[in-house]
């Protein structure tokens, strides 16, 4: 089972004009987690998903600087699901996420996303 996008990652918001707090918070950042979450969110962005949309994604670091992304969209009733996966270098995470999202969008079809918009 794949989790929701960015599930388990902690996000902290800082006012745009608060450089001092940003510096403190930035020191807490885990770069690997940031890159993984960014890849997952890139997939979600292409799918135009929200927290109510049945979309899942998991980006995992694999050997060295490699990243594996698995993603899924599903009918709300669970009757159908579409999956995509990508693997590449960590620095290409956004491109991997967008590409996986585009594959899922194409596989599920625009009618699927229109139905979701009507439901939620």
PDB file of N, CA and C in Angstrom:
ATOM      1  N   UNK A   1       0.846  -1.171   0.000  1.00  0.00           N
ATOM      2  CA  UNK A   1       0.000   0.000   0.000  1.00  0.00           C
ATOM      3  C   UNK A   1       0.889   1.232   0.000  1.00  0.00           C
ATOM      4  N   UNK A   2       0.599   2.150  -0.886  1.00  0.00           N
ATOM      5  CA  UNK A   2       1.355   3.399  -0.943  1.00  0.00           C
ATOM      6  C   UNK A   2       0.684   4.456  -0.075  1.00  0.00           C
ATOM      7  N   UNK A   3       1.464   5.310   0.564  1.00  0.00           N
ATOM      8  CA  UNK A   3       0.892   6.360   1.417  1.00  0.00           C
ATOM      9  C   UNK A   3       0.480   7.587   0.605  1.00  0.00           C
ATOM     10  N   UNK A   4      -0.222   8.480   1.265  1.00  0.00           N
ATOM     11  CA  UNK A   4      -0.538   9.774   0.670  1.00  0.00           C
ATOM     12  C   UNK A   4       0.767  10.530   0.429  1.00  0.00           C
ATOM     13  N   UNK A   5       0.727  11.461  -0.489  1.00  0.00           N
ATOM     14  CA  UNK A   5       1.905  12.269  -0.812  1.00  0.00           C
ATOM     15  C   UNK A   5       2.407  12.981   0.437  1.00  0.00           C
ATOM     16  N   UNK A   6       3.708  12.903   0.667  1.00  0.00           N
ATOM     17  CA  UNK A   6       4.410  13.556   1.782  1.00  0.00           C
ATOM     18  C   UNK A   6       3.976  13.026   3.153  1.00  0.00           C
ATOM     19  N   UNK A   7       3.329  11.884   3.184  1.00  0.00           N
ATOM     20  CA  UNK A   7       2.890  11.304   4.449  1.00  0.00           C
ATOM     21  C   UNK A   7       4.096  11.065   5.352  1.00  0.00           C
ATOM     22  N   UNK A   8       4.016  11.520   6.563  1.00  0.00           N
ATOM     23  CA  UNK A   8       5.081  11.306   7.537  1.00  0.00           C
ATOM     24  C   UNK A   8       6.143  12.387   7.551  1.00  0.00           C
ATOM     25  N   UNK A   9       6.164  13.246   6.569  1.00  0.00           N
ATOM     26  CA  UNK A   9       7.139  14.345   6.560  1.00  0.00           C
ATOM     27  C   UNK A   9       6.575  15.498   7.391  1.00  0.00           C
ATOM     28  N   UNK A  10       7.435  16.148   8.108  1.00  0.00           N
ATOM     29  CA  UNK A  10       7.018  17.293   8.922  1.00  0.00           C
ATOM     30  C   UNK A  10       7.330  18.567   8.153  1.00  0.00           C
ATOM     31  N   UNK A  11       6.328  19.417   8.028  1.00  0.00           N
ATOM     32  CA  UNK A  11       6.511  20.695   7.356  1.00  0.00           C
ATOM     33  C   UNK A  11       6.335  21.830   8.349  1.00  0.00           C
ATOM     34  N   UNK A  12       7.190  22.811   8.261  1.00  0.00           N
ATOM     35  CA  UNK A  12       7.101  23.979   9.137  1.00  0.00           C
ATOM     36  C   UNK A  12       6.993  25.212   8.256  1.00  0.00           C
ATOM     37  N   UNK A  13       5.976  26.006   8.488  1.00  0.00           N
ATOM     38  CA  UNK A  13       5.796  27.242   7.733  1.00  0.00           C
ATOM     39  C   UNK A  13       6.449  28.403   8.467  1.00  0.00           C
ATOM     40  N   UNK A  14       7.048  29.280   7.692  1.00  0.00           N
ATOM     41  CA  UNK A  14       7.703  30.475   8.224  1.00  0.00           C
ATOM     42  C   UNK A  14       7.259  31.654   7.373  1.00  0.00           C
ATOM     43  N   UNK A  15       7.011  32.763   8.013  1.00  0.00           N
ATOM     44  CA  UNK A  15       6.657  33.980   7.254  1.00  0.00           C
ATOM     45  C   UNK A  15       7.763  34.302   6.259  1.00  0.00           C
ATOM     46  N   UNK A  16       7.390  34.732   5.087  1.00  0.00           N
ATOM     47  CA  UNK A  16       8.345  35.025   4.018  1.00  0.00           C
ATOM     48  C   UNK A  16       9.370  36.084   4.431  1.00  0.00           C
ATOM     49  N   UNK A  17       8.994  37.004   5.289  1.00  0.00           N
ATOM     50  CA  UNK A  17       9.900  38.088   5.670  1.00  0.00           C
ATOM     51  C   UNK A  17      10.665  37.814   6.968  1.00  0.00           C
ATOM     52  N   UNK A  18      10.637  36.575   7.458  1.00  0.00           N
ATOM     53  CA  UNK A  18      11.277  36.239   8.729  1.00  0.00           C
ATOM     54  C   UNK A  18      12.546  35.429   8.490  1.00  0.00           C
ATOM     55  N   UNK A  19      13.598  36.096   8.077  1.00  0.00           N
ATOM     56  CA  UNK A  19      14.856  35.437   7.723  1.00  0.00           C
ATOM     57  C   UNK A  19      15.493  34.740   8.925  1.00  0.00           C
ATOM     58  N   UNK A  20      15.366  35.322  10.092  1.00  0.00           N
ATOM     59  CA  UNK A  20      15.980  34.729  11.287  1.00  0.00           C
ATOM     60  C   UNK A  20      15.368  33.359  11.588  1.00  0.00           C
ATOM     61  N   UNK A  21      14.035  33.303  11.626  1.00  0.00           N
ATOM     62  CA  UNK A  21      13.374  32.023  11.901  1.00  0.00           C
ATOM     63  C   UNK A  21      13.648  31.036  10.777  1.00  0.00           C
ATOM     64  N   UNK A  22      13.642  31.505   9.533  1.00  0.00           N
ATOM     65  CA  UNK A  22      13.930  30.630   8.394  1.00  0.00           C
ATOM     66  C   UNK A  22      15.299  29.970   8.565  1.00  0.00           C
ATOM     67  N   UNK A  23      16.287  30.730   9.006  1.00  0.00           N
ATOM     68  CA  UNK A  23      17.638  30.183   9.193  1.00  0.00           C
ATOM     69  C   UNK A  23      17.630  29.081  10.252  1.00  0.00           C
ATOM     70  N   UNK A  24      16.892  29.279  11.334  1.00  0.00           N
ATOM     71  CA  UNK A  24      16.800  28.258  12.374  1.00  0.00           C
ATOM     72  C   UNK A  24      16.123  26.997  11.837  1.00  0.00           C
ATOM     73  N   UNK A  25      15.011  27.182  11.165  1.00  0.00           N
ATOM     74  CA  UNK A  25      14.249  26.048  10.647  1.00  0.00           C
ATOM     75  C   UNK A  25      15.031  25.323   9.555  1.00  0.00           C
ATOM     76  N   UNK A  26      15.696  26.064   8.717  1.00  0.00           N
ATOM     77  CA  UNK A  26      16.472  25.470   7.625  1.00  0.00           C
ATOM     78  C   UNK A  26      17.542  24.527   8.166  1.00  0.00           C
ATOM     79  N   UNK A  27      18.078  24.850   9.329  1.00  0.00           N
ATOM     80  CA  UNK A  27      19.105  24.002   9.941  1.00  0.00           C
ATOM     81  C   UNK A  27      18.551  22.630  10.322  1.00  0.00           C
ATOM     82  N   UNK A  28      17.239  22.540  10.497  1.00  0.00           N
ATOM     83  CA  UNK A  28      16.602  21.269  10.847  1.00  0.00           C
ATOM     84  C   UNK A  28      16.293  20.408   9.622  1.00  0.00           C
ATOM     85  N   UNK A  29      16.371  21.010   8.456  1.00  0.00           N
ATOM     86  CA  UNK A  29      15.955  20.332   7.227  1.00  0.00           C
ATOM     87  C   UNK A  29      16.818  19.108   6.921  1.00  0.00           C
ATOM     88  N   UNK A  30      16.157  18.041   6.505  1.00  0.00           N
ATOM     89  CA  UNK A  30      16.832  16.852   6.016  1.00  0.00           C
ATOM     90  C   UNK A  30      16.735  16.883   4.495  1.00  0.00           C
ATOM     91  N   UNK A  31      17.832  17.124   3.827  1.00  0.00           N
ATOM     92  CA  UNK A  31      17.840  17.332   2.376  1.00  0.00           C
ATOM     93  C   UNK A  31      17.288  16.135   1.618  1.00  0.00           C
ATOM     94  N   UNK A  32      17.611  14.937   2.038  1.00  0.00           N
ATOM     95  CA  UNK A  32      17.111  13.746   1.348  1.00  0.00           C
ATOM     96  C   UNK A  32      15.591  13.675   1.432  1.00  0.00           C
ATOM     97  N   UNK A  33      15.042  13.927   2.611  1.00  0.00           N
ATOM     98  CA  UNK A  33      13.586  13.931   2.766  1.00  0.00           C
ATOM     99  C   UNK A  33      12.967  15.025   1.909  1.00  0.00           C
ATOM    100  N   UNK A  34      13.573  16.194   1.889  1.00  0.00           N
ATOM    101  CA  UNK A  34      13.071  17.297   1.070  1.00  0.00           C
ATOM    102  C   UNK A  34      13.005  16.903  -0.407  1.00  0.00           C
ATOM    103  N   UNK A  35      14.024  16.272  -0.897  1.00  0.00           N
ATOM    104  CA  UNK A  35      14.038  15.862  -2.309  1.00  0.00           C
ATOM    105  C   UNK A  35      12.998  14.788  -2.598  1.00  0.00           C
ATOM    106  N   UNK A  36      12.837  13.866  -1.673  1.00  0.00           N
ATOM    107  CA  UNK A  36      11.839  12.811  -1.859  1.00  0.00           C
ATOM    108  C   UNK A  36      10.432  13.403  -1.880  1.00  0.00           C
ATOM    109  N   UNK A  37      10.130  14.260  -0.923  1.00  0.00           N
ATOM    110  CA  UNK A  37       8.811  14.890  -0.851  1.00  0.00           C
ATOM    111  C   UNK A  37       8.566  15.772  -2.071  1.00  0.00           C
ATOM    112  N   UNK A  38       9.590  16.459  -2.536  1.00  0.00           N
ATOM    113  CA  UNK A  38       9.454  17.312  -3.717  1.00  0.00           C
ATOM    114  C   UNK A  38       9.089  16.487  -4.944  1.00  0.00           C
ATOM    115  N   UNK A  39       9.669  15.306  -5.095  1.00  0.00           N
ATOM    116  CA  UNK A  39       9.326  14.425  -6.219  1.00  0.00           C
ATOM    117  C   UNK A  39       7.869  13.977  -6.119  1.00  0.00           C
ATOM    118  N   UNK A  40       7.442  13.597  -4.916  1.00  0.00           N
ATOM    119  CA  UNK A  40       6.052  13.173  -4.716  1.00  0.00           C
ATOM    120  C   UNK A  40       5.082  14.315  -5.016  1.00  0.00           C
ATOM    121  N   UNK A  41       5.413  15.508  -4.561  1.00  0.00           N
ATOM    122  CA  UNK A  41       4.525  16.653  -4.774  1.00  0.00           C
ATOM    123  C   UNK A  41       4.478  17.072  -6.243  1.00  0.00           C
ATOM    124  N   UNK A  42       5.559  16.850  -6.980  1.00  0.00           N
ATOM    125  CA  UNK A  42       5.553  17.147  -8.416  1.00  0.00           C
ATOM    126  C   UNK A  42       4.548  16.247  -9.133  1.00  0.00           C
ATOM    127  N   UNK A  43       4.478  15.000  -8.716  1.00  0.00           N
ATOM    128  CA  UNK A  43       3.493  14.062  -9.277  1.00  0.00           C
ATOM    129  C   UNK A  43       2.087  14.545  -8.946  1.00  0.00           C
ATOM    130  N   UNK A  44       1.864  14.901  -7.706  1.00  0.00           N
ATOM    131  CA  UNK A  44       0.557  15.375  -7.256  1.00  0.00           C
ATOM    132  C   UNK A  44       0.125  16.631  -8.013  1.00  0.00           C
ATOM    133  N   UNK A  45       1.070  17.513  -8.264  1.00  0.00           N
ATOM    134  CA  UNK A  45       0.761  18.759  -8.970  1.00  0.00           C
ATOM    135  C   UNK A  45       0.221  18.489 -10.375  1.00  0.00           C
ATOM    136  N   UNK A  46       0.836  17.562 -11.088  1.00  0.00           N
ATOM    137  CA  UNK A  46       0.374  17.209 -12.436  1.00  0.00           C
ATOM    138  C   UNK A  46      -1.036  16.626 -12.388  1.00  0.00           C
ATOM    139  N   UNK A  47      -1.326  15.899 -11.323  1.00  0.00           N
ATOM    140  CA  UNK A  47      -2.640  15.272 -11.178  1.00  0.00           C
ATOM    141  C   UNK A  47      -3.672  16.234 -10.608  1.00  0.00           C
ATOM    142  N   UNK A  48      -3.228  17.421 -10.220  1.00  0.00           N
ATOM    143  CA  UNK A  48      -4.118  18.447  -9.659  1.00  0.00           C
ATOM    144  C   UNK A  48      -4.900  17.879  -8.488  1.00  0.00           C
ATOM    145  N   UNK A  49      -4.194  17.166  -7.633  1.00  0.00           N
ATOM    146  CA  UNK A  49      -4.845  16.488  -6.528  1.00  0.00           C
ATOM    147  C   UNK A  49      -4.934  17.321  -5.265  1.00  0.00           C
ATOM    148  N   UNK A  50      -5.811  16.885  -4.409  1.00  0.00           N
ATOM    149  CA  UNK A  50      -5.964  17.499  -3.096  1.00  0.00           C
ATOM    150  C   UNK A  50      -5.947  16.389  -2.055  1.00  0.00           C
ATOM    151  N   UNK A  51      -6.173  16.765  -0.808  1.00  0.00           N
ATOM    152  CA  UNK A  51      -6.183  15.741   0.248  1.00  0.00           C
ATOM    153  C   UNK A  51      -7.410  14.846   0.155  1.00  0.00           C
ATOM    154  N   UNK A  52      -8.345  15.174  -0.714  1.00  0.00           N
ATOM    155  CA  UNK A  52      -9.544  14.345  -0.890  1.00  0.00           C
ATOM    156  C   UNK A  52      -9.464  13.442  -2.119  1.00  0.00           C
ATOM    157  N   UNK A  53      -8.418  13.593  -2.892  1.00  0.00           N
ATOM    158  CA  UNK A  53      -8.260  12.826  -4.120  1.00  0.00           C
ATOM    159  C   UNK A  53      -7.528  11.527  -3.815  1.00  0.00           C
ATOM    160  N   UNK A  54      -7.998  10.397  -4.330  1.00  0.00           N
ATOM    161  CA  UNK A  54      -7.328   9.121  -4.062  1.00  0.00           C
ATOM    162  C   UNK A  54      -6.033   8.972  -4.864  1.00  0.00           C
ATOM    163  N   UNK A  55      -5.007   9.668  -4.379  1.00  0.00           N
ATOM    164  CA  UNK A  55      -3.688   9.660  -5.010  1.00  0.00           C
ATOM    165  C   UNK A  55      -2.667   9.273  -3.948  1.00  0.00           C
ATOM    166  N   UNK A  56      -1.724   8.425  -4.323  1.00  0.00           N
ATOM    167  CA  UNK A  56      -0.657   8.022  -3.413  1.00  0.00           C
ATOM    168  C   UNK A  56       0.668   8.119  -4.141  1.00  0.00           C
ATOM    169  N   UNK A  57       1.725   8.370  -3.397  1.00  0.00           N
ATOM    170  CA  UNK A  57       3.059   8.390  -3.994  1.00  0.00           C
ATOM    171  C   UNK A  57       4.096   8.161  -2.909  1.00  0.00           C
ATOM    172  N   UNK A  58       5.150   7.473  -3.281  1.00  0.00           N
ATOM    173  CA  UNK A  58       6.254   7.235  -2.365  1.00  0.00           C
ATOM    174  C   UNK A  58       7.559   7.302  -3.136  1.00  0.00           C
ATOM    175  N   UNK A  59       8.398   8.246  -2.762  1.00  0.00           N
ATOM    176  CA  UNK A  59       9.741   8.353  -3.335  1.00  0.00           C
ATOM    177  C   UNK A  59      10.718   7.802  -2.307  1.00  0.00           C
ATOM    178  N   UNK A  60      11.533   6.874  -2.741  1.00  0.00           N
ATOM    179  CA  UNK A  60      12.487   6.234  -1.840  1.00  0.00           C
ATOM    180  C   UNK A  60      13.898   6.387  -2.395  1.00  0.00           C
ATOM    181  N   UNK A  61      14.811   6.675  -1.503  1.00  0.00           N
ATOM    182  CA  UNK A  61      16.211   6.717  -1.897  1.00  0.00           C
ATOM    183  C   UNK A  61      16.690   5.279  -2.037  1.00  0.00           C
ATOM    184  N   UNK A  62      17.359   5.024  -3.119  1.00  0.00           N
ATOM    185  CA  UNK A  62      17.958   3.700  -3.312  1.00  0.00           C
ATOM    186  C   UNK A  62      19.462   3.905  -3.412  1.00  0.00           C
ATOM    187  N   UNK A  63      20.179   2.962  -3.853  1.00  0.00           N
ATOM    188  CA  UNK A  63      21.637   3.019  -3.865  1.00  0.00           C
ATOM    189  C   UNK A  63      22.200   4.347  -4.355  1.00  0.00           C
ATOM    190  N   UNK A  64      23.169   4.855  -3.629  1.00  0.00           N
ATOM    191  CA  UNK A  64      23.870   6.071  -4.029  1.00  0.00           C
ATOM    192  C   UNK A  64      22.946   7.259  -4.171  1.00  0.00           C
ATOM    193  N   UNK A  65      22.971   7.874  -5.339  1.00  0.00           N
ATOM    194  CA  UNK A  65      22.147   9.068  -5.583  1.00  0.00           C
ATOM    195  C   UNK A  65      20.903   8.727  -6.399  1.00  0.00           C
ATOM    196  N   UNK A  66      20.416   7.516  -6.264  1.00  0.00           N
ATOM    197  CA  UNK A  66      19.247   7.048  -7.022  1.00  0.00           C
ATOM    198  C   UNK A  66      17.963   7.256  -6.229  1.00  0.00           C
ATOM    199  N   UNK A  67      16.885   7.484  -6.963  1.00  0.00           N
ATOM    200  CA  UNK A  67      15.567   7.681  -6.380  1.00  0.00           C
ATOM    201  C   UNK A  67      14.576   6.802  -7.123  1.00  0.00           C
ATOM    202  N   UNK A  68      13.703   6.139  -6.371  1.00  0.00           N
ATOM    203  CA  UNK A  68      12.625   5.362  -6.976  1.00  0.00           C
ATOM    204  C   UNK A  68      11.311   5.985  -6.521  1.00  0.00           C
ATOM    205  N   UNK A  69      10.437   6.264  -7.476  1.00  0.00           N
ATOM    206  CA  UNK A  69       9.135   6.845  -7.183  1.00  0.00           C
ATOM    207  C   UNK A  69       8.051   5.890  -7.661  1.00  0.00           C
ATOM    208  N   UNK A  70       7.128   5.571  -6.768  1.00  0.00           N
ATOM    209  CA  UNK A  70       5.953   4.784  -7.121  1.00  0.00           C
ATOM    210  C   UNK A  70       4.731   5.638  -6.831  1.00  0.00           C
ATOM    211  N   UNK A  71       3.779   5.641  -7.756  1.00  0.00           N
ATOM    212  CA  UNK A  71       2.595   6.486  -7.598  1.00  0.00           C
ATOM    213  C   UNK A  71       1.354   5.740  -8.069  1.00  0.00           C
ATOM    214  N   UNK A  72       0.193   6.222  -7.603  1.00  0.00           N
ATOM    215  CA  UNK A  72      -1.058   5.546  -7.892  1.00  0.00           C
ATOM    216  C   UNK A  72      -2.209   6.542  -7.826  1.00  0.00           C
ATOM    217  N   UNK A  73      -3.184   6.361  -8.701  1.00  0.00           N
ATOM    218  CA  UNK A  73      -4.487   7.016  -8.573  1.00  0.00           C
ATOM    219  C   UNK A  73      -5.521   5.905  -8.598  1.00  0.00           C
ATOM    220  N   UNK A  74      -6.623   6.112  -7.877  1.00  0.00           N
ATOM    221  CA  UNK A  74      -7.636   5.062  -7.783  1.00  0.00           C
ATOM    222  C   UNK A  74      -9.032   5.652  -7.824  1.00  0.00           C
ATOM    223  N   UNK A  75      -9.949   4.839  -8.302  1.00  0.00           N
ATOM    224  CA  UNK A  75     -11.363   5.204  -8.204  1.00  0.00           C
ATOM    225  C   UNK A  75     -11.714   5.272  -6.724  1.00  0.00           C
ATOM    226  N   UNK A  76     -12.550   6.205  -6.321  1.00  0.00           N
ATOM    227  CA  UNK A  76     -12.920   6.294  -4.902  1.00  0.00           C
ATOM    228  C   UNK A  76     -13.512   5.000  -4.348  1.00  0.00           C
ATOM    229  N   UNK A  77     -14.177   4.225  -5.190  1.00  0.00           N
ATOM    230  CA  UNK A  77     -14.761   2.962  -4.725  1.00  0.00           C
ATOM    231  C   UNK A  77     -13.760   1.801  -4.787  1.00  0.00           C
ATOM    232  N   UNK A  78     -12.568   2.055  -5.286  1.00  0.00           N
ATOM    233  CA  UNK A  78     -11.524   1.039  -5.327  1.00  0.00           C
ATOM    234  C   UNK A  78     -11.612   0.053  -6.477  1.00  0.00           C
ATOM    235  N   UNK A  79     -12.580   0.225  -7.381  1.00  0.00           N
ATOM    236  CA  UNK A  79     -12.752  -0.743  -8.489  1.00  0.00           C
ATOM    237  C   UNK A  79     -11.623  -0.712  -9.504  1.00  0.00           C
ATOM    238  N   UNK A  80     -10.987   0.440  -9.650  1.00  0.00           N
ATOM    239  CA  UNK A  80      -9.899   0.546 -10.620  1.00  0.00           C
ATOM    240  C   UNK A  80      -8.788   1.392 -10.016  1.00  0.00           C
ATOM    241  N   UNK A  81      -7.567   1.057 -10.388  1.00  0.00           N
ATOM    242  CA  UNK A  81      -6.408   1.826  -9.941  1.00  0.00           C
ATOM    243  C   UNK A  81      -5.364   1.797 -11.049  1.00  0.00           C
ATOM    244  N   UNK A  82      -4.611   2.878 -11.128  1.00  0.00           N
ATOM    245  CA  UNK A  82      -3.546   2.991 -12.119  1.00  0.00           C
ATOM    246  C   UNK A  82      -2.257   3.273 -11.370  1.00  0.00           C
ATOM    247  N   UNK A  83      -1.190   2.630 -11.803  1.00  0.00           N
ATOM    248  CA  UNK A  83       0.109   2.760 -11.133  1.00  0.00           C
ATOM    249  C   UNK A  83       1.182   3.201 -12.122  1.00  0.00           C
ATOM    250  N   UNK A  84       2.156   3.913 -11.601  1.00  0.00           N
ATOM    251  CA  UNK A  84       3.317   4.308 -12.390  1.00  0.00           C
ATOM    252  C   UNK A  84       4.537   4.260 -11.484  1.00  0.00           C
ATOM    253  N   UNK A  85       5.668   4.013 -12.053  1.00  0.00           N
ATOM    254  CA  UNK A  85       6.909   4.062 -11.272  1.00  0.00           C
ATOM    255  C   UNK A  85       8.022   4.621 -12.145  1.00  0.00           C
ATOM    256  N   UNK A  86       8.945   5.254 -11.486  1.00  0.00           N
ATOM    257  CA  UNK A  86      10.095   5.847 -12.156  1.00  0.00           C
ATOM    258  C   UNK A  86      11.321   5.642 -11.271  1.00  0.00           C
ATOM    259  N   UNK A  87      12.476   5.549 -11.907  1.00  0.00           N
ATOM    260  CA  UNK A  87      13.729   5.513 -11.173  1.00  0.00           C
ATOM    261  C   UNK A  87      14.736   6.354 -11.925  1.00  0.00           C
ATOM    262  N   UNK A  88      15.514   7.109 -11.165  1.00  0.00           N
ATOM    263  CA  UNK A  88      16.534   7.955 -11.772  1.00  0.00           C
ATOM    264  C   UNK A  88      17.394   8.582 -10.704  1.00  0.00           C
ATOM    265  N   UNK A  89      18.169   9.581 -11.105  1.00  0.00           N
ATOM    266  CA  UNK A  89      19.030  10.241 -10.133  1.00  0.00           C
ATOM    267  C   UNK A  89      18.202  11.174  -9.259  1.00  0.00           C
ATOM    268  N   UNK A  90      18.619  11.303  -8.039  1.00  0.00           N
ATOM    269  CA  UNK A  90      17.908  12.092  -7.036  1.00  0.00           C
ATOM    270  C   UNK A  90      17.651  13.516  -7.501  1.00  0.00           C
ATOM    271  N   UNK A  91      18.613  14.100  -8.189  1.00  0.00           N
ATOM    272  CA  UNK A  91      18.465  15.485  -8.638  1.00  0.00           C
ATOM    273  C   UNK A  91      17.388  15.652  -9.707  1.00  0.00           C
ATOM    274  N   UNK A  92      16.929  14.559 -10.311  1.00  0.00           N
ATOM    275  CA  UNK A  92      15.865  14.605 -11.318  1.00  0.00           C
ATOM    276  C   UNK A  92      14.501  14.276 -10.723  1.00  0.00           C
ATOM    277  N   UNK A  93      14.367  14.358  -9.409  1.00  0.00           N
ATOM    278  CA  UNK A  93      13.138  13.968  -8.733  1.00  0.00           C
ATOM    279  C   UNK A  93      11.898  14.680  -9.234  1.00  0.00           C
ATOM    280  N   UNK A  94      11.990  15.976  -9.470  1.00  0.00           N
ATOM    281  CA  UNK A  94      10.827  16.732  -9.949  1.00  0.00           C
ATOM    282  C   UNK A  94      10.405  16.223 -11.320  1.00  0.00           C
ATOM    283  N   UNK A  95      11.357  16.013 -12.205  1.00  0.00           N
ATOM    284  CA  UNK A  95      11.042  15.515 -13.548  1.00  0.00           C
ATOM    285  C   UNK A  95      10.442  14.105 -13.468  1.00  0.00           C
ATOM    286  N   UNK A  96      10.977  13.272 -12.592  1.00  0.00           N
ATOM    287  CA  UNK A  96      10.433  11.923 -12.423  1.00  0.00           C
ATOM    288  C   UNK A  96       8.997  11.990 -11.934  1.00  0.00           C
ATOM    289  N   UNK A  97       8.740  12.855 -10.960  1.00  0.00           N
ATOM    290  CA  UNK A  97       7.392  13.009 -10.427  1.00  0.00           C
ATOM    291  C   UNK A  97       6.419  13.512 -11.470  1.00  0.00           C
ATOM    292  N   UNK A  98       6.820  14.520 -12.212  1.00  0.00           N
ATOM    293  CA  UNK A  98       5.938  15.065 -13.256  1.00  0.00           C
ATOM    294  C   UNK A  98       5.650  14.026 -14.327  1.00  0.00           C
ATOM    295  N   UNK A  99       6.671  13.281 -14.697  1.00  0.00           N
ATOM    296  CA  UNK A  99       6.496  12.266 -15.733  1.00  0.00           C
ATOM    297  C   UNK A  99       5.557  11.153 -15.260  1.00  0.00           C
ATOM    298  N   UNK A 100       5.713  10.715 -14.026  1.00  0.00           N
ATOM    299  CA  UNK A 100       4.819   9.690 -13.481  1.00  0.00           C
ATOM    300  C   UNK A 100       3.392  10.220 -13.394  1.00  0.00           C
ATOM    301  N   UNK A 101       3.237  11.474 -12.972  1.00  0.00           N
ATOM    302  CA  UNK A 101       1.909  12.084 -12.914  1.00  0.00           C
ATOM    303  C   UNK A 101       1.256  12.151 -14.281  1.00  0.00           C
ATOM    304  N   UNK A 102       2.046  12.509 -15.297  1.00  0.00           N
ATOM    305  CA  UNK A 102       1.507  12.585 -16.660  1.00  0.00           C
ATOM    306  C   UNK A 102       1.063  11.212 -17.148  1.00  0.00           C
ATOM    307  N   UNK A 103       1.842  10.174 -16.819  1.00  0.00           N
ATOM    308  CA  UNK A 103       1.449   8.818 -17.216  1.00  0.00           C
ATOM    309  C   UNK A 103       0.128   8.423 -16.546  1.00  0.00           C
ATOM    310  N   UNK A 104       0.004   8.715 -15.256  1.00  0.00           N
ATOM    311  CA  UNK A 104      -1.220   8.377 -14.537  1.00  0.00           C
ATOM    312  C   UNK A 104      -2.416   9.154 -15.069  1.00  0.00           C
ATOM    313  N   UNK A 105      -2.205  10.418 -15.358  1.00  0.00           N
ATOM    314  CA  UNK A 105      -3.289  11.258 -15.885  1.00  0.00           C
ATOM    315  C   UNK A 105      -3.778  10.699 -17.221  1.00  0.00           C
ATOM    316  N   UNK A 106      -2.837  10.287 -18.056  1.00  0.00           N
ATOM    317  CA  UNK A 106      -3.189   9.725 -19.358  1.00  0.00           C
ATOM    318  C   UNK A 106      -3.883   8.370 -19.200  1.00  0.00           C
ATOM    319  N   UNK A 107      -3.360   7.523 -18.318  1.00  0.00           N
ATOM    320  CA  UNK A 107      -3.919   6.180 -18.139  1.00  0.00           C
ATOM    321  C   UNK A 107      -5.336   6.231 -17.566  1.00  0.00           C
ATOM    322  N   UNK A 108      -5.560   7.084 -16.582  1.00  0.00           N
ATOM    323  CA  UNK A 108      -6.881   7.168 -15.964  1.00  0.00           C
ATOM    324  C   UNK A 108      -7.864   7.913 -16.858  1.00  0.00           C
ATOM    325  N   UNK A 109      -7.369   8.834 -17.653  1.00  0.00           N
ATOM    326  CA  UNK A 109      -8.214   9.595 -18.575  1.00  0.00           C
ATOM    327  C   UNK A 109      -8.808  10.842 -17.927  1.00  0.00           C
ATOM    328  N   UNK A 110      -9.050  11.821 -18.748  1.00  0.00           N
ATOM    329  CA  UNK A 110      -9.578  13.089 -18.242  1.00  0.00           C
ATOM    330  C   UNK A 110     -10.964  12.926 -17.623  1.00  0.00           C
ATOM    331  N   UNK A 111     -11.747  11.977 -18.109  1.00  0.00           N
ATOM    332  CA  UNK A 111     -13.086  11.754 -17.543  1.00  0.00           C
ATOM    333  C   UNK A 111     -12.985  11.367 -16.064  1.00  0.00           C
ATOM    334  N   UNK A 112     -11.971  10.600 -15.708  1.00  0.00           N
ATOM    335  CA  UNK A 112     -11.747  10.222 -14.310  1.00  0.00           C
ATOM    336  C   UNK A 112     -11.573  11.465 -13.447  1.00  0.00           C
ATOM    337  N   UNK A 113     -10.736  12.396 -13.891  1.00  0.00           N
ATOM    338  CA  UNK A 113     -10.461  13.595 -13.109  1.00  0.00           C
ATOM    339  C   UNK A 113     -11.663  14.543 -13.083  1.00  0.00           C
ATOM    340  N   UNK A 114     -12.434  14.558 -14.148  1.00  0.00           N
ATOM    341  CA  UNK A 114     -13.649  15.369 -14.153  1.00  0.00           C
ATOM    342  C   UNK A 114     -14.666  14.819 -13.142  1.00  0.00           C
ATOM    343  N   UNK A 115     -14.797  13.493 -13.073  1.00  0.00           N
ATOM    344  CA  UNK A 115     -15.681  12.871 -12.081  1.00  0.00           C
ATOM    345  C   UNK A 115     -15.238  13.194 -10.666  1.00  0.00           C
ATOM    346  N   UNK A 116     -13.936  13.143 -10.437  1.00  0.00           N
ATOM    347  CA  UNK A 116     -13.419  13.468  -9.101  1.00  0.00           C
ATOM    348  C   UNK A 116     -13.730  14.908  -8.725  1.00  0.00           C
ATOM    349  N   UNK A 117     -13.561  15.801  -9.682  1.00  0.00           N
ATOM    350  CA  UNK A 117     -13.851  17.220  -9.408  1.00  0.00           C
ATOM    351  C   UNK A 117     -15.315  17.395  -9.017  1.00  0.00           C
ATOM    352  N   UNK A 118     -16.194  16.640  -9.654  1.00  0.00           N
ATOM    353  CA  UNK A 118     -17.626  16.724  -9.326  1.00  0.00           C
ATOM    354  C   UNK A 118     -17.927  16.139  -7.948  1.00  0.00           C
ATOM    355  N   UNK A 119     -17.184  15.092  -7.562  1.00  0.00           N
ATOM    356  CA  UNK A 119     -17.410  14.453  -6.264  1.00  0.00           C
ATOM    357  C   UNK A 119     -16.914  15.305  -5.105  1.00  0.00           C
ATOM    358  N   UNK A 120     -15.773  15.943  -5.313  1.00  0.00           N
ATOM    359  CA  UNK A 120     -15.133  16.669  -4.221  1.00  0.00           C
ATOM    360  C   UNK A 120     -15.155  18.141  -4.518  1.00  0.00           C
TER     361      UNK A 120
END
